[in-house]
C-alpha atoms as a PDB file:
ATOM      1  CA  LEU A   1      40.592  26.254 -34.055  1.00  0.00           C
ATOM      2  CA  GLY A   2      43.605  23.920 -33.146  1.00  0.00           C
ATOM      3  CA  GLN A   3      44.425  25.892 -30.045  1.00  0.00           C
ATOM      4  CA  ALA A   4      40.723  25.862 -28.983  1.00  0.00           C
ATOM      5  CA  ARG A   5      40.497  22.073 -29.446  1.00  0.00           C
ATOM      6  CA  ASP A   6      43.662  21.589 -27.478  1.00  0.00           C
ATOM      7  CA  GLY A   7      42.381  23.943 -24.695  1.00  0.00           C
ATOM      8  CA  ARG A   8      39.029  22.102 -24.601  1.00  0.00           C
ATOM      9  CA  LEU A   9      40.643  18.602 -24.392  1.00  0.00           C
ATOM     10  CA  HIS A  10      42.964  19.914 -21.690  1.00  0.00           C
ATOM     11  CA  ILE A  11      39.999  21.245 -19.565  1.00  0.00           C
ATOM     12  CA  LEU A  12      38.133  17.889 -20.165  1.00  0.00           C
ATOM     13  CA  GLY A  13      41.101  15.924 -18.892  1.00  0.00           C
ATOM     14  CA  LYS A  14      41.395  17.960 -15.733  1.00  0.00           C
ATOM     15  CA  LEU A  15      37.571  17.432 -15.131  1.00  0.00           C
ATOM     16  CA  THR A  16      38.110  13.623 -15.555  1.00  0.00           C
ATOM     17  CA  GLU A  17      41.093  13.712 -13.168  1.00  0.00           C
ATOM     18  CA  THR A  18      38.875  15.287 -10.544  1.00  0.00           C
ATOM     19  CA  ILE A  19      35.776  13.141 -11.031  1.00  0.00           C
ATOM     20  CA  ALA A  20      35.790  10.323 -13.685  1.00  0.00           C
ATOM     21  CA  THR A  21      32.004   9.680 -13.712  1.00  0.00           C
ATOM     22  CA  PRO A  22      28.969  11.749 -12.677  1.00  0.00           C
ATOM     23  CA  ARG A  23      27.808  11.268  -9.000  1.00  0.00           C
ATOM     24  CA  ALA A  24      24.866   8.994  -8.415  1.00  0.00           C
ATOM     25  CA  ASP A  25      23.213  11.756  -6.505  1.00  0.00           C
ATOM     26  CA  VAL A  26      23.652  15.366  -5.580  1.00  0.00           C
ATOM     27  CA  LYS A  27      24.466  16.768  -2.239  1.00  0.00           C
ATOM     28  CA  LYS A  28      21.889  16.320   0.563  1.00  0.00           C
ATOM     29  CA  HIS A  29      20.824  19.971   0.731  1.00  0.00           C
ATOM     30  CA  ALA A  30      21.142  20.692  -3.090  1.00  0.00           C
ATOM     31  CA  PRO A  31      17.785  21.739  -4.801  1.00  0.00           C
ATOM     32  CA  LYS A  32      16.157  18.701  -6.430  1.00  0.00           C
ATOM     33  CA  ILE A  33      13.300  18.149  -8.913  1.00  0.00           C
ATOM     34  CA  ILE A  34      11.715  14.777  -8.983  1.00  0.00           C
ATOM     35  CA  MET A  35       9.034  13.836 -11.469  1.00  0.00           C
ATOM     36  CA  ARG A  36       6.371  11.224 -11.089  1.00  0.00           C
ATOM     37  CA  THR A  37       3.576  10.107 -13.419  1.00  0.00           C
ATOM     38  CA  ILE A  38       0.260   8.873 -11.899  1.00  0.00           C
ATOM     39  CA  PRO A  39      -3.001   7.713 -13.582  1.00  0.00           C
ATOM     40  CA  GLY A  40      -5.305  10.783 -14.254  1.00  0.00           C
ATOM     41  CA  ALA A  41      -7.981   9.399 -12.045  1.00  0.00           C
ATOM     42  CA  PHE A  42      -5.962   9.963  -8.944  1.00  0.00           C
ATOM     43  CA  ILE A  43      -5.105  13.610  -9.551  1.00  0.00           C
ATOM     44  CA  GLY A  44      -8.138  14.721  -7.563  1.00  0.00           C
ATOM     45  CA  ALA A  45      -7.274  12.478  -4.683  1.00  0.00           C
ATOM     46  CA  LEU A  46      -3.820  13.830  -4.571  1.00  0.00           C
ATOM     47  CA  ILE A  47      -5.046  17.447  -4.667  1.00  0.00           C
ATOM     48  CA  GLY A  48      -7.817  16.933  -2.186  1.00  0.00           C
ATOM     49  CA  PRO A  49     -11.039  18.989  -1.626  1.00  0.00           C
ATOM     50  CA  GLY A  50     -10.100  22.587  -2.105  1.00  0.00           C
ATOM     51  CA  GLY A  51      -6.432  21.569  -2.364  1.00  0.00           C
ATOM     52  CA  LYS A  52      -6.344  20.363   1.165  1.00  0.00           C
ATOM     53  CA  VAL A  53      -4.283  17.195   0.734  1.00  0.00           C
ATOM     54  CA  ILE A  54      -1.488  18.828  -1.432  1.00  0.00           C
ATOM     55  CA  GLN A  55      -1.330  21.855   0.742  1.00  0.00           C
ATOM     56  CA  GLU A  56      -0.824  19.827   3.997  1.00  0.00           C
ATOM     57  CA  LEU A  57       1.503  17.554   2.225  1.00  0.00           C
ATOM     58  CA  GLN A  58       3.701  20.511   1.132  1.00  0.00           C
ATOM     59  CA  LYS A  59       3.650  22.046   4.550  1.00  0.00           C
ATOM     60  CA  ALA A  60       4.687  18.870   6.370  1.00  0.00           C
ATOM     61  CA  THR A  61       7.359  17.917   3.877  1.00  0.00           C
ATOM     62  CA  GLY A  62       8.800  21.329   2.977  1.00  0.00           C
ATOM     63  CA  THR A  63       8.357  20.716  -0.622  1.00  0.00           C
ATOM     64  CA  THR A  64       6.618  22.326  -3.568  1.00  0.00           C
ATOM     65  CA  ILE A  65       4.479  20.047  -5.546  1.00  0.00           C
ATOM     66  CA  VAL A  66       3.122  20.952  -9.014  1.00  0.00           C
ATOM     67  CA  ILE A  67       0.645  18.752 -10.948  1.00  0.00           C
ATOM     68  CA  ASN A  68      -0.151  18.861 -14.663  1.00  0.00           C
ATOM     69  CA  GLU A  69      -2.471  16.782 -16.686  1.00  0.00           C
ATOM     70  CA  VAL A  70      -0.770  15.457 -19.876  1.00  0.00           C
ATOM     71  CA  ASP A  71      -2.598  12.855 -22.132  1.00  0.00           C
ATOM     72  CA  GLU A  72      -4.983  11.888 -19.234  1.00  0.00           C
ATOM     73  CA  GLN A  73      -2.029  11.258 -16.958  1.00  0.00           C
ATOM     74  CA  GLY A  74      -0.922  13.341 -14.082  1.00  0.00           C
ATOM     75  CA  VAL A  75       2.667  14.589 -14.227  1.00  0.00           C
ATOM     76  CA  VAL A  76       3.734  15.412 -10.652  1.00  0.00           C
ATOM     77  CA  GLU A  77       6.787  17.651 -10.142  1.00  0.00           C
ATOM     78  CA  ILE A  78       8.255  17.573  -6.547  1.00  0.00           C
ATOM     79  CA  LEU A  79      10.712  20.386  -5.795  1.00  0.00           C
ATOM     80  CA  GLY A  80      12.665  20.398  -2.436  1.00  0.00           C
ATOM     81  CA  THR A  81      16.125  20.068  -0.884  1.00  0.00           C
ATOM     82  CA  ASP A  82      15.343  17.603   1.971  1.00  0.00           C
ATOM     83  CA  PRO A  83      15.581  13.973   0.531  1.00  0.00           C
ATOM     84  CA  ASP A  84      13.311  12.828   3.477  1.00  0.00           C
ATOM     85  CA  GLY A  85      10.585  15.251   2.504  1.00  0.00           C
ATOM     86  CA  ILE A  86      10.734  14.260  -1.084  1.00  0.00           C
ATOM     87  CA  ALA A  87      10.674  10.568  -0.074  1.00  0.00           C
ATOM     88  CA  ALA A  88       7.553  11.227   2.180  1.00  0.00           C
ATOM     89  CA  VAL A  89       5.768  12.905  -0.848  1.00  0.00           C
ATOM     90  CA  LEU A  90       6.663   9.840  -3.080  1.00  0.00           C
ATOM     91  CA  ALA A  91       5.310   7.485  -0.342  1.00  0.00           C
ATOM     92  CA  LYS A  92       2.053   9.483  -0.013  1.00  0.00           C
ATOM     93  CA  ILE A  93       1.609   9.242  -3.793  1.00  0.00           C
ATOM     94  CA  ASP A  94       2.235   5.400  -3.652  1.00  0.00           C
ATOM     95  CA  SER A  95      -0.355   5.293  -0.931  1.00  0.00           C
ATOM     96  CA  ILE A  96      -2.906   7.214  -2.844  1.00  0.00           C
ATOM     97  CA  ILE A  97      -2.542   5.210  -6.050  1.00  0.00           C
ATOM     98  CA  PHE A  98      -2.305   1.824  -4.366  1.00  0.00           C
ATOM     99  CA  LYS A  99      -4.892  -0.800  -5.555  1.00  0.00           C
ATOM    100  CA  PRO A 100      -4.510  -4.329  -4.392  1.00  0.00           C
ATOM    101  CA  GLN A 101      -5.049  -7.045  -7.007  1.00  0.00           C
ATOM    102  CA  VAL A 102      -7.600  -9.951  -6.451  1.00  0.00           C
ATOM    103  CA  GLY A 103      -5.705 -13.114  -5.463  1.00  0.00           C
ATOM    104  CA  GLU A 104      -2.523 -11.416  -4.608  1.00  0.00           C
ATOM    105  CA  ALA A 105      -0.816 -11.624  -1.071  1.00  0.00           C
ATOM    106  CA  TYR A 106      -0.021  -8.457   0.882  1.00  0.00           C
ATOM    107  CA  GLU A 107       1.824  -7.720   4.101  1.00  0.00           C
ATOM    108  CA  VAL A 108      -0.374  -5.871   6.591  1.00  0.00           C
ATOM    109  CA  LYS A 109      -0.138  -4.548  10.116  1.00  0.00           C
ATOM    110  CA  VAL A 110      -2.724  -4.637  12.799  1.00  0.00           C
ATOM    111  CA  ILE A 111      -3.735  -1.029  13.841  1.00  0.00           C
ATOM    112  CA  LYS A 112      -7.060  -1.746  15.679  1.00  0.00           C
ATOM    113  CA  MET A 113      -8.659  -4.424  17.365  1.00  0.00           C
ATOM    114  CA  LEU A 114     -12.520  -4.953  17.243  1.00  0.00           C
ATOM    115  CA  ASP A 115     -14.927  -7.574  18.531  1.00  0.00           C
ATOM    116  CA  PHE A 116     -15.599  -8.848  14.995  1.00  0.00           C
ATOM    117  CA  GLY A 117     -12.181  -8.594  13.527  1.00  0.00           C
ATOM    118  CA  ALA A 118      -8.973  -6.437  13.176  1.00  0.00           C
ATOM    119  CA  VAL A 119      -8.393  -3.378  11.105  1.00  0.00           C
ATOM    120  CA  VAL A 120      -5.024  -3.888   9.142  1.00  0.00           C
ATOM    121  CA  GLU A 121      -3.026  -1.433   7.182  1.00  0.00           C
ATOM    122  CA  TYR A 122      -1.031  -2.288   3.985  1.00  0.00           C
ATOM    123  CA  THR A 123       2.642  -1.964   4.964  1.00  0.00           C
ATOM    124  CA  GLU A 124       3.530  -0.851   1.448  1.00  0.00           C
ATOM    125  CA  ALA A 125       0.893   1.700   1.452  1.00  0.00           C
ATOM    126  CA  PRO A 126       0.392   3.428   4.834  1.00  0.00           C
ATOM    127  CA  GLY A 127      -3.026   4.937   5.280  1.00  0.00           C
ATOM    128  CA  ASN A 128      -4.787   2.141   3.267  1.00  0.00           C
ATOM    129  CA  GLU A 129      -6.760   0.140   5.860  1.00  0.00           C
ATOM    130  CA  VAL A 130      -9.200  -2.873   5.455  1.00  0.00           C
ATOM    131  CA  LEU A 131     -11.164  -4.996   7.850  1.00  0.00           C
ATOM    132  CA  LEU A 132      -9.946  -8.484   8.410  1.00  0.00           C
ATOM    133  CA  HIS A 133     -13.023 -10.199   9.611  1.00  0.00           C
ATOM    134  CA  VAL A 134     -12.880 -12.718  12.569  1.00  0.00           C
ATOM    135  CA  SER A 135     -14.071 -15.501  10.279  1.00  0.00           C
ATOM    136  CA  GLU A 136     -11.061 -14.940   8.031  1.00  0.00           C
ATOM    137  CA  LEU A 137      -8.357 -15.096  10.748  1.00  0.00           C
ATOM    138  CA  ALA A 138      -7.870 -18.931  10.841  1.00  0.00           C
ATOM    139  CA  TRP A 139      -9.618 -22.229   9.721  1.00  0.00           C
ATOM    140  CA  GLU A 140     -10.509 -22.949  13.288  1.00  0.00           C
ATOM    141  CA  ARG A 141     -13.385 -21.269  14.944  1.00  0.00           C
ATOM    142  CA  THR A 142     -12.189 -18.059  16.665  1.00  0.00           C
ATOM    143  CA  GLU A 143     -13.977 -16.866  19.688  1.00  0.00           C
ATOM    144  CA  ASN A 144     -11.691 -13.814  20.321  1.00  0.00           C
ATOM    145  CA  VAL A 145      -9.684 -11.928  17.924  1.00  0.00           C
ATOM    146  CA  SER A 146      -6.793 -11.565  20.388  1.00  0.00           C
ATOM    147  CA  ASP A 147      -6.360 -15.378  20.327  1.00  0.00           C
ATOM    148  CA  VAL A 148      -5.054 -15.095  16.921  1.00  0.00           C
ATOM    149  CA  VAL A 149      -3.634 -11.638  16.316  1.00  0.00           C
ATOM    150  CA  ASN A 150      -2.783  -8.605  18.429  1.00  0.00           C
ATOM    151  CA  MET A 151      -1.994  -4.894  17.991  1.00  0.00           C
ATOM    152  CA  GLY A 152       1.141  -4.312  15.859  1.00  0.00           C
ATOM    153  CA  ASP A 153       1.221  -7.908  14.554  1.00  0.00           C
ATOM    154  CA  VAL A 154       2.575  -7.950  10.913  1.00  0.00           C
ATOM    155  CA  PHE A 155       1.689 -10.896   8.568  1.00  0.00           C
ATOM    156  CA  GLN A 156       0.400 -11.754   5.146  1.00  0.00           C
ATOM    157  CA  VAL A 157      -3.192 -11.741   3.787  1.00  0.00           C
ATOM    158  CA  LYS A 158      -4.822 -12.497   0.535  1.00  0.00           C
ATOM    159  CA  TYR A 159      -6.895  -9.875  -1.236  1.00  0.00           C
ATOM    160  CA  LEU A 160     -10.294 -11.427  -2.156  1.00  0.00           C
ATOM    161  CA  GLY A 161     -11.781  -8.287  -3.811  1.00  0.00           C
ATOM    162  CA  VAL A 162     -15.037  -6.582  -2.954  1.00  0.00           C
ATOM    163  CA  ASP A 163     -17.696  -8.700  -1.106  1.00  0.00           C
ATOM    164  CA  PRO A 164     -20.853  -8.418  -3.184  1.00  0.00           C
ATOM    165  CA  LYS A 165     -22.973  -8.568   0.006  1.00  0.00           C
ATOM    166  CA  THR A 166     -21.380  -5.800   2.013  1.00  0.00           C
ATOM    167  CA  ARG A 167     -19.779  -3.955  -0.909  1.00  0.00           C
ATOM    168  CA  LYS A 168     -16.559  -3.741   1.066  1.00  0.00           C
ATOM    169  CA  GLU A 169     -13.136  -4.963   0.386  1.00  0.00           C
ATOM    170  CA  LYS A 170     -12.374  -8.313   1.855  1.00  0.00           C
ATOM    171  CA  VAL A 171      -8.950  -9.944   2.838  1.00  0.00           C
ATOM    172  CA  SER A 172      -8.169 -13.287   4.452  1.00  0.00           C
ATOM    173  CA  ARG A 173      -5.437 -14.536   6.631  1.00  0.00           C
ATOM    174  CA  LYS A 174      -6.675 -18.090   6.655  1.00  0.00           C
ATOM    175  CA  ALA A 175      -6.598 -18.283   2.757  1.00  0.00           C
ATOM    176  CA  LEU A 176      -2.796 -18.338   2.934  1.00  0.00           C
ATOM    177  CA  LEU A 177      -2.678 -21.044   5.730  1.00  0.00           C
ATOM    178  CA  PRO A 178      -2.760 -24.790   5.144  1.00  0.00           C
ATOM    179  CA  ARG A 179      -6.345 -26.189   5.534  1.00  0.00           C
ATOM    180  CA  PRO A 180      -6.448 -28.675   8.351  1.00  0.00           C
ATOM    181  CA  PRO A 181      -7.276 -32.211   7.413  1.00  0.00           C
ATOM    182  CA  ARG A 182     -10.971 -33.458   8.078  1.00  0.00           C
ATOM    183  CA  ASP A 183     -11.265 -35.273  11.177  1.00  0.00           C
ATOM    184  CA  GLU A 184     -12.073 -38.833  10.102  1.00  0.00           C
ATOM    185  CA  ASN A 185     -13.753 -39.534  13.491  1.00  0.00           C
ATOM    186  CA  ALA A 186     -16.216 -36.809  13.119  1.00  0.00           C
ATOM    187  CA  PRO A 187     -19.658 -38.170  12.362  1.00  0.00           C
ATOM    188  CA  ALA A 188     -20.914 -37.588   8.896  1.00  0.00           C
ATOM    189  CA  ARG A 189     -23.710 -35.113   8.549  1.00  0.00           C
ATOM    190  CA  GLU A 190     -26.352 -37.842   7.990  1.00  0.00           C
ATOM    191  CA  ASP A 191     -25.187 -39.669  11.176  1.00  0.00           C
ATOM    192  CA  ARG A 192     -25.596 -36.696  13.509  1.00  0.00           C
ATOM    193  CA  GLY A 193     -29.100 -37.745  14.496  1.00  0.00           C
ATOM    194  CA  PRO A 194     -32.516 -36.517  13.351  1.00  0.00           C
ATOM    195  CA  ARG A 195     -32.729 -32.881  12.250  1.00  0.00           C
ATOM    196  CA  PRO A 196     -34.721 -30.741  14.924  1.00  0.00           C
ATOM    197  CA  GLU A 197     -38.117 -30.036  13.988  1.00  0.00           C
ATOM    198  CA  ARG A 198     -38.574 -26.444  12.626  1.00  0.00           C
ATOM    199  CA  ARG A 199     -41.640 -24.494  13.112  1.00  0.00           C
ATOM    200  CA  ASP A 200     -42.253 -24.508   9.347  1.00  0.00           C
ATOM    201  CA  ASP A 201     -42.261 -28.326   9.400  1.00  0.00           C
ATOM    202  CA  ARG A 202     -45.176 -28.637  11.756  1.00  0.00           C
ATOM    203  CA  LYS A 203     -48.681 -28.903  10.150  1.00  0.00           C
END
């Protein structure tokens, strides 16, 4: 036993001489397994109809993805050798489970210009798009969207939640900008002359 102990300590000493502490990461092309837990409600979105999303993701990244449901959570195992491929899978997962919080500010990028606003994409969750309506671009009246933003512009917006009228998500750029002071020289509403007669007012 004494000889075995001395031999073991000798070997451990040689190992420490060679590498004192474990490396932070393995070699680039070494096989890797990365695990990620997601809410169970997003398992279907990651798999996709008929497995379309997960199959395309595996093909594009050269990885193998295994999903198991444990205690109403999705345990995702990502197996691969290419760090970039694994990173792409993790980015896709982040994009799928991304849910903006009401009142929070997020960085977005303009990916499409429309007459009535701009379609923007959350930079932290590529693929998640939302319409920035022309009325939410600036405090001043905006005639043309291109007067304020253009394709590729990156800026912050405030997430306002789901509009009860349109039932669509709503964001605002102007909500994060200082509100311009009221023009003291502008006539008060009651001083702007008589209200035009409406059809319903005539007898």
